[in-house]
């Protein structure tokens, strides 16, 4: 049976990993939504609307496909893709585990 002293560091790593992964997978879509990129489109008067206006003016009247405004609107409308979720989890999970292991 594992001793309590041996289990505590493992628990800290698991909790750190879970917290970091959960925070980023919830935080990124929440941040995109708070900029005004929603499922119903870009909210009027939001930062997203200002970004779209600037992008359209710079591009001669339209927003270019693949631009930051188009990508953020895609995330706001459909959420993060599975590949992006896996990528974020694979980066922030170990980072959270590292931070969790350093907590006294």
PDB file of N, CA and C in Angstrom:
ATOM      1  N   UNK A   1       0.837  -1.175   0.000  1.00  0.00           N
ATOM      2  CA  UNK A   1       0.000   0.000   0.000  1.00  0.00           C
ATOM      3  C   UNK A   1       0.889   1.248   0.000  1.00  0.00           C
ATOM      4  N   UNK A   2       0.456   2.251  -0.719  1.00  0.00           N
ATOM      5  CA  UNK A   2       1.237   3.488  -0.787  1.00  0.00           C
ATOM      6  C   UNK A   2       1.141   4.269   0.512  1.00  0.00           C
ATOM      7  N   UNK A   3       2.231   4.847   0.894  1.00  0.00           N
ATOM      8  CA  UNK A   3       2.280   5.678   2.088  1.00  0.00           C
ATOM      9  C   UNK A   3       1.690   7.053   1.760  1.00  0.00           C
ATOM     10  N   UNK A   4       1.155   7.717   2.764  1.00  0.00           N
ATOM     11  CA  UNK A   4       0.559   9.038   2.579  1.00  0.00           C
ATOM     12  C   UNK A   4       1.560  10.025   1.993  1.00  0.00           C
ATOM     13  N   UNK A   5       2.795   9.959   2.433  1.00  0.00           N
ATOM     14  CA  UNK A   5       3.827  10.875   1.939  1.00  0.00           C
ATOM     15  C   UNK A   5       4.090  10.659   0.452  1.00  0.00           C
ATOM     16  N   UNK A   6       3.897   9.435  -0.025  1.00  0.00           N
ATOM     17  CA  UNK A   6       4.126   9.146  -1.437  1.00  0.00           C
ATOM     18  C   UNK A   6       2.932   9.545  -2.298  1.00  0.00           C
ATOM     19  N   UNK A   7       1.758   9.582  -1.714  1.00  0.00           N
ATOM     20  CA  UNK A   7       0.540   9.877  -2.469  1.00  0.00           C
ATOM     21  C   UNK A   7       0.328  11.382  -2.631  1.00  0.00           C
ATOM     22  N   UNK A   8       0.698  12.176  -1.647  1.00  0.00           N
ATOM     23  CA  UNK A   8       0.456  13.623  -1.696  1.00  0.00           C
ATOM     24  C   UNK A   8       1.035  14.296  -2.934  1.00  0.00           C
ATOM     25  N   UNK A   9       2.276  14.029  -3.324  1.00  0.00           N
ATOM     26  CA  UNK A   9       2.797  14.681  -4.541  1.00  0.00           C
ATOM     27  C   UNK A   9       2.023  14.273  -5.795  1.00  0.00           C
ATOM     28  N   UNK A  10       1.577  13.038  -5.843  1.00  0.00           N
ATOM     29  CA  UNK A  10       0.805  12.575  -7.004  1.00  0.00           C
ATOM     30  C   UNK A  10      -0.530  13.310  -7.074  1.00  0.00           C
ATOM     31  N   UNK A  11      -1.163  13.468  -5.935  1.00  0.00           N
ATOM     32  CA  UNK A  11      -2.446  14.182  -5.896  1.00  0.00           C
ATOM     33  C   UNK A  11      -2.261  15.631  -6.334  1.00  0.00           C
ATOM     34  N   UNK A  12      -1.195  16.276  -5.888  1.00  0.00           N
ATOM     35  CA  UNK A  12      -0.934  17.668  -6.282  1.00  0.00           C
ATOM     36  C   UNK A  12      -0.737  17.786  -7.790  1.00  0.00           C
ATOM     37  N   UNK A  13      -0.030  16.833  -8.383  1.00  0.00           N
ATOM     38  CA  UNK A  13       0.208  16.850  -9.826  1.00  0.00           C
ATOM     39  C   UNK A  13      -1.093  16.658 -10.582  1.00  0.00           C
ATOM     40  N   UNK A  14      -1.903  15.708 -10.155  1.00  0.00           N
ATOM     41  CA  UNK A  14      -3.175  15.432 -10.833  1.00  0.00           C
ATOM     42  C   UNK A  14      -4.120  16.622 -10.718  1.00  0.00           C
ATOM     43  N   UNK A  15      -4.212  17.202  -9.539  1.00  0.00           N
ATOM     44  CA  UNK A  15      -5.082  18.368  -9.353  1.00  0.00           C
ATOM     45  C   UNK A  15      -4.582  19.550 -10.178  1.00  0.00           C
ATOM     46  N   UNK A  16      -3.284  19.807 -10.171  1.00  0.00           N
ATOM     47  CA  UNK A  16      -2.731  20.907 -10.964  1.00  0.00           C
ATOM     48  C   UNK A  16      -2.999  20.736 -12.445  1.00  0.00           C
ATOM     49  N   UNK A  17      -2.836  19.514 -12.927  1.00  0.00           N
ATOM     50  CA  UNK A  17      -3.084  19.225 -14.336  1.00  0.00           C
ATOM     51  C   UNK A  17      -4.553  19.438 -14.687  1.00  0.00           C
ATOM     52  N   UNK A  18      -5.435  18.935 -13.851  1.00  0.00           N
ATOM     53  CA  UNK A  18      -6.870  19.067 -14.109  1.00  0.00           C
ATOM     54  C   UNK A  18      -7.352  20.500 -14.056  1.00  0.00           C
ATOM     55  N   UNK A  19      -6.860  21.245 -13.089  1.00  0.00           N
ATOM     56  CA  UNK A  19      -7.266  22.644 -12.955  1.00  0.00           C
ATOM     57  C   UNK A  19      -6.787  23.464 -14.155  1.00  0.00           C
ATOM     58  N   UNK A  20      -5.537  23.278 -14.546  1.00  0.00           N
ATOM     59  CA  UNK A  20      -4.997  24.044 -15.679  1.00  0.00           C
ATOM     60  C   UNK A  20      -5.723  23.702 -16.974  1.00  0.00           C
ATOM     61  N   UNK A  21      -5.949  22.414 -17.210  1.00  0.00           N
ATOM     62  CA  UNK A  21      -6.628  21.999 -18.433  1.00  0.00           C
ATOM     63  C   UNK A  21      -8.061  22.515 -18.455  1.00  0.00           C
ATOM     64  N   UNK A  22      -8.766  22.351 -17.351  1.00  0.00           N
ATOM     65  CA  UNK A  22     -10.145  22.837 -17.282  1.00  0.00           C
ATOM     66  C   UNK A  22     -10.243  24.337 -17.448  1.00  0.00           C
ATOM     67  N   UNK A  23      -9.320  25.051 -16.814  1.00  0.00           N
ATOM     68  CA  UNK A  23      -9.348  26.514 -16.895  1.00  0.00           C
ATOM     69  C   UNK A  23      -9.157  27.001 -18.321  1.00  0.00           C
ATOM     70  N   UNK A  24      -8.231  26.390 -19.041  1.00  0.00           N
ATOM     71  CA  UNK A  24      -7.973  26.860 -20.404  1.00  0.00           C
ATOM     72  C   UNK A  24      -9.102  26.431 -21.355  1.00  0.00           C
ATOM     73  N   UNK A  25      -9.660  25.253 -21.170  1.00  0.00           N
ATOM     74  CA  UNK A  25     -10.724  24.794 -22.060  1.00  0.00           C
ATOM     75  C   UNK A  25     -12.039  25.540 -21.831  1.00  0.00           C
ATOM     76  N   UNK A  26     -12.211  26.113 -20.655  1.00  0.00           N
ATOM     77  CA  UNK A  26     -13.377  26.951 -20.379  1.00  0.00           C
ATOM     78  C   UNK A  26     -13.040  28.417 -20.620  1.00  0.00           C
ATOM     79  N   UNK A  27     -11.823  28.814 -20.257  1.00  0.00           N
ATOM     80  CA  UNK A  27     -11.430  30.214 -20.331  1.00  0.00           C
ATOM     81  C   UNK A  27     -11.291  30.777 -21.734  1.00  0.00           C
ATOM     82  N   UNK A  28     -10.759  29.975 -22.663  1.00  0.00           N
ATOM     83  CA  UNK A  28     -10.566  30.481 -24.030  1.00  0.00           C
ATOM     84  C   UNK A  28     -11.899  30.804 -24.702  1.00  0.00           C
ATOM     85  N   UNK A  29     -12.879  29.878 -24.725  1.00  0.00           N
ATOM     86  CA  UNK A  29     -14.167  30.248 -25.322  1.00  0.00           C
ATOM     87  C   UNK A  29     -14.867  31.393 -24.582  1.00  0.00           C
ATOM     88  N   UNK A  30     -14.706  31.437 -23.270  1.00  0.00           N
ATOM     89  CA  UNK A  30     -15.305  32.522 -22.497  1.00  0.00           C
ATOM     90  C   UNK A  30     -14.681  33.866 -22.873  1.00  0.00           C
ATOM     91  N   UNK A  31     -13.370  33.890 -23.054  1.00  0.00           N
ATOM     92  CA  UNK A  31     -12.690  35.124 -23.457  1.00  0.00           C
ATOM     93  C   UNK A  31     -13.129  35.556 -24.855  1.00  0.00           C
ATOM     94  N   UNK A  32     -13.262  34.597 -25.764  1.00  0.00           N
ATOM     95  CA  UNK A  32     -13.715  34.919 -27.127  1.00  0.00           C
ATOM     96  C   UNK A  32     -15.135  35.476 -27.084  1.00  0.00           C
ATOM     97  N   UNK A  33     -15.992  34.834 -26.287  1.00  0.00           N
ATOM     98  CA  UNK A  33     -17.365  35.301 -26.164  1.00  0.00           C
ATOM     99  C   UNK A  33     -17.406  36.709 -25.565  1.00  0.00           C
ATOM    100  N   UNK A  34     -16.550  36.978 -24.575  1.00  0.00           N
ATOM    101  CA  UNK A  34     -16.566  38.292 -23.926  1.00  0.00           C
ATOM    102  C   UNK A  34     -16.088  39.407 -24.862  1.00  0.00           C
ATOM    103  N   UNK A  35     -15.343  39.048 -25.895  1.00  0.00           N
ATOM    104  CA  UNK A  35     -14.946  40.050 -26.899  1.00  0.00           C
ATOM    105  C   UNK A  35     -16.088  40.394 -27.854  1.00  0.00           C
ATOM    106  N   UNK A  36     -17.162  39.600 -27.826  1.00  0.00           N
ATOM    107  CA  UNK A  36     -18.324  39.880 -28.658  1.00  0.00           C
ATOM    108  C   UNK A  36     -18.523  38.898 -29.795  1.00  0.00           C
ATOM    109  N   UNK A  37     -17.740  37.840 -29.854  1.00  0.00           N
ATOM    110  CA  UNK A  37     -17.887  36.824 -30.892  1.00  0.00           C
ATOM    111  C   UNK A  37     -18.813  35.735 -30.360  1.00  0.00           C
ATOM    112  N   UNK A  38     -20.078  35.765 -30.788  1.00  0.00           N
ATOM    113  CA  UNK A  38     -21.086  34.862 -30.240  1.00  0.00           C
ATOM    114  C   UNK A  38     -21.625  33.937 -31.318  1.00  0.00           C
ATOM    115  N   UNK A  39     -22.450  32.990 -30.905  1.00  0.00           N
ATOM    116  CA  UNK A  39     -23.071  32.055 -31.856  1.00  0.00           C
ATOM    117  C   UNK A  39     -24.016  32.781 -32.806  1.00  0.00           C
ATOM    118  N   UNK A  40     -24.568  33.902 -32.374  1.00  0.00           N
ATOM    119  CA  UNK A  40     -25.491  34.668 -33.209  1.00  0.00           C
ATOM    120  C   UNK A  40     -24.777  35.681 -34.101  1.00  0.00           C
ATOM    121  N   UNK A  41     -23.467  35.754 -34.017  1.00  0.00           N
ATOM    122  CA  UNK A  41     -22.702  36.720 -34.801  1.00  0.00           C
ATOM    123  C   UNK A  41     -21.923  37.640 -33.884  1.00  0.00           C
ATOM    124  N   UNK A  42     -21.345  38.658 -34.466  1.00  0.00           N
ATOM    125  CA  UNK A  42     -20.555  39.611 -33.681  1.00  0.00           C
ATOM    126  C   UNK A  42     -21.496  40.625 -33.053  1.00  0.00           C
ATOM    127  N   UNK A  43     -21.396  40.776 -31.738  1.00  0.00           N
ATOM    128  CA  UNK A  43     -22.284  41.680 -31.006  1.00  0.00           C
ATOM    129  C   UNK A  43     -21.986  43.134 -31.357  1.00  0.00           C
ATOM    130  N   UNK A  44     -23.052  43.899 -31.574  1.00  0.00           N
ATOM    131  CA  UNK A  44     -22.909  45.317 -31.908  1.00  0.00           C
ATOM    132  C   UNK A  44     -22.256  46.071 -30.761  1.00  0.00           C
ATOM    133  N   UNK A  45     -21.325  46.962 -31.079  1.00  0.00           N
ATOM    134  CA  UNK A  45     -20.670  47.798 -30.095  1.00  0.00           C
ATOM    135  C   UNK A  45     -19.575  47.112 -29.297  1.00  0.00           C
ATOM    136  N   UNK A  46     -19.285  45.862 -29.618  1.00  0.00           N
ATOM    137  CA  UNK A  46     -18.276  45.114 -28.871  1.00  0.00           C
ATOM    138  C   UNK A  46     -16.880  45.340 -29.458  1.00  0.00           C
ATOM    139  N   UNK A  47     -15.889  44.827 -28.761  1.00  0.00           N
ATOM    140  CA  UNK A  47     -14.522  44.872 -29.281  1.00  0.00           C
ATOM    141  C   UNK A  47     -14.451  44.105 -30.597  1.00  0.00           C
ATOM    142  N   UNK A  48     -15.191  42.994 -30.672  1.00  0.00           N
ATOM    143  CA  UNK A  48     -15.233  42.209 -31.906  1.00  0.00           C
ATOM    144  C   UNK A  48     -15.767  43.026 -33.081  1.00  0.00           C
ATOM    145  N   UNK A  49     -16.766  43.857 -32.824  1.00  0.00           N
ATOM    146  CA  UNK A  49     -17.320  44.707 -33.881  1.00  0.00           C
ATOM    147  C   UNK A  49     -16.286  45.729 -34.352  1.00  0.00           C
ATOM    148  N   UNK A  50     -15.549  46.279 -33.414  1.00  0.00           N
ATOM    149  CA  UNK A  50     -14.492  47.234 -33.782  1.00  0.00           C
ATOM    150  C   UNK A  50     -13.387  46.542 -34.582  1.00  0.00           C
ATOM    151  N   UNK A  51     -13.043  45.317 -34.166  1.00  0.00           N
ATOM    152  CA  UNK A  51     -12.030  44.553 -34.902  1.00  0.00           C
ATOM    153  C   UNK A  51     -12.509  44.245 -36.316  1.00  0.00           C
ATOM    154  N   UNK A  52     -13.784  43.865 -36.441  1.00  0.00           N
ATOM    155  CA  UNK A  52     -14.336  43.548 -37.758  1.00  0.00           C
ATOM    156  C   UNK A  52     -14.353  44.794 -38.648  1.00  0.00           C
ATOM    157  N   UNK A  53     -14.712  45.926 -38.084  1.00  0.00           N
ATOM    158  CA  UNK A  53     -14.724  47.173 -38.843  1.00  0.00           C
ATOM    159  C   UNK A  53     -13.328  47.528 -39.346  1.00  0.00           C
ATOM    160  N   UNK A  54     -12.341  47.420 -38.470  1.00  0.00           N
ATOM    161  CA  UNK A  54     -10.967  47.734 -38.866  1.00  0.00           C
ATOM    162  C   UNK A  54     -10.465  46.764 -39.925  1.00  0.00           C
ATOM    163  N   UNK A  55     -10.800  45.483 -39.774  1.00  0.00           N
ATOM    164  CA  UNK A  55     -10.368  44.483 -40.755  1.00  0.00           C
ATOM    165  C   UNK A  55     -11.028  44.719 -42.104  1.00  0.00           C
ATOM    166  N   UNK A  56     -12.302  45.078 -42.081  1.00  0.00           N
ATOM    167  CA  UNK A  56     -13.019  45.329 -43.335  1.00  0.00           C
ATOM    168  C   UNK A  56     -12.472  46.564 -44.042  1.00  0.00           C
ATOM    169  N   UNK A  57     -12.185  47.606 -43.294  1.00  0.00           N
ATOM    170  CA  UNK A  57     -11.632  48.828 -43.890  1.00  0.00           C
ATOM    171  C   UNK A  57     -10.256  48.536 -44.488  1.00  0.00           C
ATOM    172  N   UNK A  58      -9.436  47.794 -43.747  1.00  0.00           N
ATOM    173  CA  UNK A  58      -8.085  47.480 -44.220  1.00  0.00           C
ATOM    174  C   UNK A  58      -8.098  46.560 -45.431  1.00  0.00           C
ATOM    175  N   UNK A  59      -9.163  45.764 -45.553  1.00  0.00           N
ATOM    176  CA  UNK A  59      -9.227  44.778 -46.632  1.00  0.00           C
ATOM    177  C   UNK A  59     -10.114  45.235 -47.791  1.00  0.00           C
ATOM    178  N   UNK A  60     -10.512  46.472 -47.802  1.00  0.00           N
ATOM    179  CA  UNK A  60     -11.301  46.987 -48.915  1.00  0.00           C
ATOM    180  C   UNK A  60     -12.774  46.635 -48.850  1.00  0.00           C
ATOM    181  N   UNK A  61     -13.322  46.412 -47.669  1.00  0.00           N
ATOM    182  CA  UNK A  61     -14.760  46.208 -47.542  1.00  0.00           C
ATOM    183  C   UNK A  61     -15.195  44.860 -47.016  1.00  0.00           C
ATOM    184  N   UNK A  62     -14.318  43.891 -46.962  1.00  0.00           N
ATOM    185  CA  UNK A  62     -14.702  42.574 -46.455  1.00  0.00           C
ATOM    186  C   UNK A  62     -13.670  42.045 -45.486  1.00  0.00           C
ATOM    187  N   UNK A  63     -14.075  41.074 -44.716  1.00  0.00           N
ATOM    188  CA  UNK A  63     -13.160  40.427 -43.780  1.00  0.00           C
ATOM    189  C   UNK A  63     -12.561  39.215 -44.482  1.00  0.00           C
ATOM    190  N   UNK A  64     -11.251  39.145 -44.526  1.00  0.00           N
ATOM    191  CA  UNK A  64     -10.558  38.058 -45.222  1.00  0.00           C
ATOM    192  C   UNK A  64     -10.759  36.733 -44.488  1.00  0.00           C
ATOM    193  N   UNK A  65     -10.957  35.681 -45.263  1.00  0.00           N
ATOM    194  CA  UNK A  65     -11.038  34.337 -44.684  1.00  0.00           C
ATOM    195  C   UNK A  65      -9.706  33.990 -44.038  1.00  0.00           C
ATOM    196  N   UNK A  66      -9.759  33.411 -42.855  1.00  0.00           N
ATOM    197  CA  UNK A  66      -8.541  33.046 -42.160  1.00  0.00           C
ATOM    198  C   UNK A  66      -7.943  34.157 -41.319  1.00  0.00           C
ATOM    199  N   UNK A  67      -8.535  35.346 -41.371  1.00  0.00           N
ATOM    200  CA  UNK A  67      -8.028  36.446 -40.549  1.00  0.00           C
ATOM    201  C   UNK A  67      -8.382  36.178 -39.084  1.00  0.00           C
ATOM    202  N   UNK A  68      -7.784  36.946 -38.189  1.00  0.00           N
ATOM    203  CA  UNK A  68      -8.042  36.752 -36.766  1.00  0.00           C
ATOM    204  C   UNK A  68      -9.510  36.965 -36.441  1.00  0.00           C
ATOM    205  N   UNK A  69     -10.154  37.907 -37.113  1.00  0.00           N
ATOM    206  CA  UNK A  69     -11.579  38.156 -36.882  1.00  0.00           C
ATOM    207  C   UNK A  69     -12.393  36.939 -37.327  1.00  0.00           C
ATOM    208  N   UNK A  70     -12.070  36.369 -38.477  1.00  0.00           N
ATOM    209  CA  UNK A  70     -12.795  35.197 -38.967  1.00  0.00           C
ATOM    210  C   UNK A  70     -12.595  33.988 -38.053  1.00  0.00           C
ATOM    211  N   UNK A  71     -11.375  33.797 -37.575  1.00  0.00           N
ATOM    212  CA  UNK A  71     -11.090  32.661 -36.683  1.00  0.00           C
ATOM    213  C   UNK A  71     -11.812  32.835 -35.355  1.00  0.00           C
ATOM    214  N   UNK A  72     -11.761  34.035 -34.779  1.00  0.00           N
ATOM    215  CA  UNK A  72     -12.446  34.270 -33.514  1.00  0.00           C
ATOM    216  C   UNK A  72     -13.959  34.111 -33.657  1.00  0.00           C
ATOM    217  N   UNK A  73     -14.518  34.540 -34.787  1.00  0.00           N
ATOM    218  CA  UNK A  73     -15.952  34.367 -35.001  1.00  0.00           C
ATOM    219  C   UNK A  73     -16.296  32.890 -35.130  1.00  0.00           C
ATOM    220  N   UNK A  74     -15.437  32.133 -35.760  1.00  0.00           N
ATOM    221  CA  UNK A  74     -15.648  30.692 -35.872  1.00  0.00           C
ATOM    222  C   UNK A  74     -15.644  30.035 -34.495  1.00  0.00           C
ATOM    223  N   UNK A  75     -14.695  30.424 -33.655  1.00  0.00           N
ATOM    224  CA  UNK A  75     -14.637  29.880 -32.291  1.00  0.00           C
ATOM    225  C   UNK A  75     -15.860  30.320 -31.500  1.00  0.00           C
ATOM    226  N   UNK A  76     -16.271  31.571 -31.662  1.00  0.00           N
ATOM    227  CA  UNK A  76     -17.455  32.068 -30.955  1.00  0.00           C
ATOM    228  C   UNK A  76     -18.718  31.361 -31.386  1.00  0.00           C
ATOM    229  N   UNK A  77     -18.814  31.007 -32.663  1.00  0.00           N
ATOM    230  CA  UNK A  77     -20.019  30.363 -33.177  1.00  0.00           C
ATOM    231  C   UNK A  77     -20.051  28.866 -32.907  1.00  0.00           C
ATOM    232  N   UNK A  78     -18.926  28.196 -33.104  1.00  0.00           N
ATOM    233  CA  UNK A  78     -18.918  26.730 -33.031  1.00  0.00           C
ATOM    234  C   UNK A  78     -18.110  26.175 -31.876  1.00  0.00           C
ATOM    235  N   UNK A  79     -17.357  27.000 -31.184  1.00  0.00           N
ATOM    236  CA  UNK A  79     -16.505  26.510 -30.111  1.00  0.00           C
ATOM    237  C   UNK A  79     -15.169  26.035 -30.660  1.00  0.00           C
ATOM    238  N   UNK A  80     -14.372  25.467 -29.783  1.00  0.00           N
ATOM    239  CA  UNK A  80     -13.049  24.983 -30.181  1.00  0.00           C
ATOM    240  C   UNK A  80     -13.180  23.617 -30.834  1.00  0.00           C
ATOM    241  N   UNK A  81     -12.367  23.367 -31.843  1.00  0.00           N
ATOM    242  CA  UNK A  81     -12.362  22.061 -32.491  1.00  0.00           C
ATOM    243  C   UNK A  81     -11.680  21.040 -31.585  1.00  0.00           C
ATOM    244  N   UNK A  82     -11.879  19.769 -31.877  1.00  0.00           N
ATOM    245  CA  UNK A  82     -11.268  18.711 -31.083  1.00  0.00           C
ATOM    246  C   UNK A  82      -9.748  18.818 -31.112  1.00  0.00           C
ATOM    247  N   UNK A  83      -9.177  19.124 -32.270  1.00  0.00           N
ATOM    248  CA  UNK A  83      -7.733  19.258 -32.388  1.00  0.00           C
ATOM    249  C   UNK A  83      -7.180  20.374 -31.512  1.00  0.00           C
ATOM    250  N   UNK A  84      -7.877  21.490 -31.478  1.00  0.00           N
ATOM    251  CA  UNK A  84      -7.441  22.614 -30.639  1.00  0.00           C
ATOM    252  C   UNK A  84      -7.563  22.243 -29.164  1.00  0.00           C
ATOM    253  N   UNK A  85      -8.657  21.571 -28.804  1.00  0.00           N
ATOM    254  CA  UNK A  85      -8.825  21.145 -27.408  1.00  0.00           C
ATOM    255  C   UNK A  85      -7.708  20.196 -26.995  1.00  0.00           C
ATOM    256  N   UNK A  86      -7.382  19.247 -27.859  1.00  0.00           N
ATOM    257  CA  UNK A  86      -6.301  18.311 -27.548  1.00  0.00           C
ATOM    258  C   UNK A  86      -4.963  19.031 -27.449  1.00  0.00           C
ATOM    259  N   UNK A  87      -4.724  19.984 -28.350  1.00  0.00           N
ATOM    260  CA  UNK A  87      -3.482  20.748 -28.314  1.00  0.00           C
ATOM    261  C   UNK A  87      -3.353  21.569 -27.038  1.00  0.00           C
ATOM    262  N   UNK A  88      -4.423  22.259 -26.665  1.00  0.00           N
ATOM    263  CA  UNK A  88      -4.390  23.056 -25.443  1.00  0.00           C
ATOM    264  C   UNK A  88      -4.207  22.169 -24.213  1.00  0.00           C
ATOM    265  N   UNK A  89      -4.908  21.029 -24.189  1.00  0.00           N
ATOM    266  CA  UNK A  89      -4.784  20.119 -23.051  1.00  0.00           C
ATOM    267  C   UNK A  89      -3.380  19.526 -22.965  1.00  0.00           C
ATOM    268  N   UNK A  90      -2.779  19.256 -24.119  1.00  0.00           N
ATOM    269  CA  UNK A  90      -1.435  18.653 -24.100  1.00  0.00           C
ATOM    270  C   UNK A  90      -0.366  19.658 -23.679  1.00  0.00           C
ATOM    271  N   UNK A  91      -0.646  20.943 -23.809  1.00  0.00           N
ATOM    272  CA  UNK A  91       0.300  21.962 -23.361  1.00  0.00           C
ATOM    273  C   UNK A  91       0.038  22.348 -21.904  1.00  0.00           C
ATOM    274  N   UNK A  92      -1.218  22.644 -21.595  1.00  0.00           N
ATOM    275  CA  UNK A  92      -1.526  23.165 -20.271  1.00  0.00           C
ATOM    276  C   UNK A  92      -1.670  22.075 -19.212  1.00  0.00           C
ATOM    277  N   UNK A  93      -1.950  20.833 -19.587  1.00  0.00           N
ATOM    278  CA  UNK A  93      -1.991  19.743 -18.617  1.00  0.00           C
ATOM    279  C   UNK A  93      -0.648  19.531 -17.946  1.00  0.00           C
ATOM    280  N   UNK A  94       0.415  19.307 -18.731  1.00  0.00           N
ATOM    281  CA  UNK A  94       1.738  19.164 -18.103  1.00  0.00           C
ATOM    282  C   UNK A  94       2.206  20.427 -17.376  1.00  0.00           C
ATOM    283  N   UNK A  95       1.858  21.589 -17.916  1.00  0.00           N
ATOM    284  CA  UNK A  95       2.234  22.832 -17.239  1.00  0.00           C
ATOM    285  C   UNK A  95       1.564  22.928 -15.874  1.00  0.00           C
ATOM    286  N   UNK A  96       0.278  22.593 -15.827  1.00  0.00           N
ATOM    287  CA  UNK A  96      -0.425  22.575 -14.548  1.00  0.00           C
ATOM    288  C   UNK A  96       0.119  21.536 -13.596  1.00  0.00           C
ATOM    289  N   UNK A  97       0.524  20.378 -14.154  1.00  0.00           N
ATOM    290  CA  UNK A  97       1.119  19.321 -13.325  1.00  0.00           C
ATOM    291  C   UNK A  97       2.441  19.804 -12.715  1.00  0.00           C
ATOM    292  N   UNK A  98       3.223  20.514 -13.502  1.00  0.00           N
ATOM    293  CA  UNK A  98       4.486  21.064 -13.008  1.00  0.00           C
ATOM    294  C   UNK A  98       4.253  22.071 -11.889  1.00  0.00           C
ATOM    295  N   UNK A  99       3.302  22.955 -12.120  1.00  0.00           N
ATOM    296  CA  UNK A  99       2.984  23.954 -11.090  1.00  0.00           C
ATOM    297  C   UNK A  99       2.428  23.264  -9.845  1.00  0.00           C
ATOM    298  N   UNK A 100       1.553  22.279 -10.041  1.00  0.00           N
ATOM    299  CA  UNK A 100       0.998  21.549  -8.906  1.00  0.00           C
ATOM    300  C   UNK A 100       2.049  20.829  -8.098  1.00  0.00           C
ATOM    301  N   UNK A 101       3.071  20.327  -8.770  1.00  0.00           N
ATOM    302  CA  UNK A 101       4.125  19.611  -8.044  1.00  0.00           C
ATOM    303  C   UNK A 101       4.998  20.538  -7.205  1.00  0.00           C
ATOM    304  N   UNK A 102       4.992  21.827  -7.525  1.00  0.00           N
ATOM    305  CA  UNK A 102       5.806  22.800  -6.795  1.00  0.00           C
ATOM    306  C   UNK A 102       5.081  23.392  -5.591  1.00  0.00           C
ATOM    307  N   UNK A 103       3.793  23.132  -5.465  1.00  0.00           N
ATOM    308  CA  UNK A 103       3.029  23.670  -4.339  1.00  0.00           C
ATOM    309  C   UNK A 103       3.442  22.922  -3.071  1.00  0.00           C
ATOM    310  N   UNK A 104       3.789  23.652  -2.010  1.00  0.00           N
ATOM    311  CA  UNK A 104       4.251  22.982  -0.777  1.00  0.00           C
ATOM    312  C   UNK A 104       3.142  22.238  -0.055  1.00  0.00           C
TER     313      UNK A 104
END
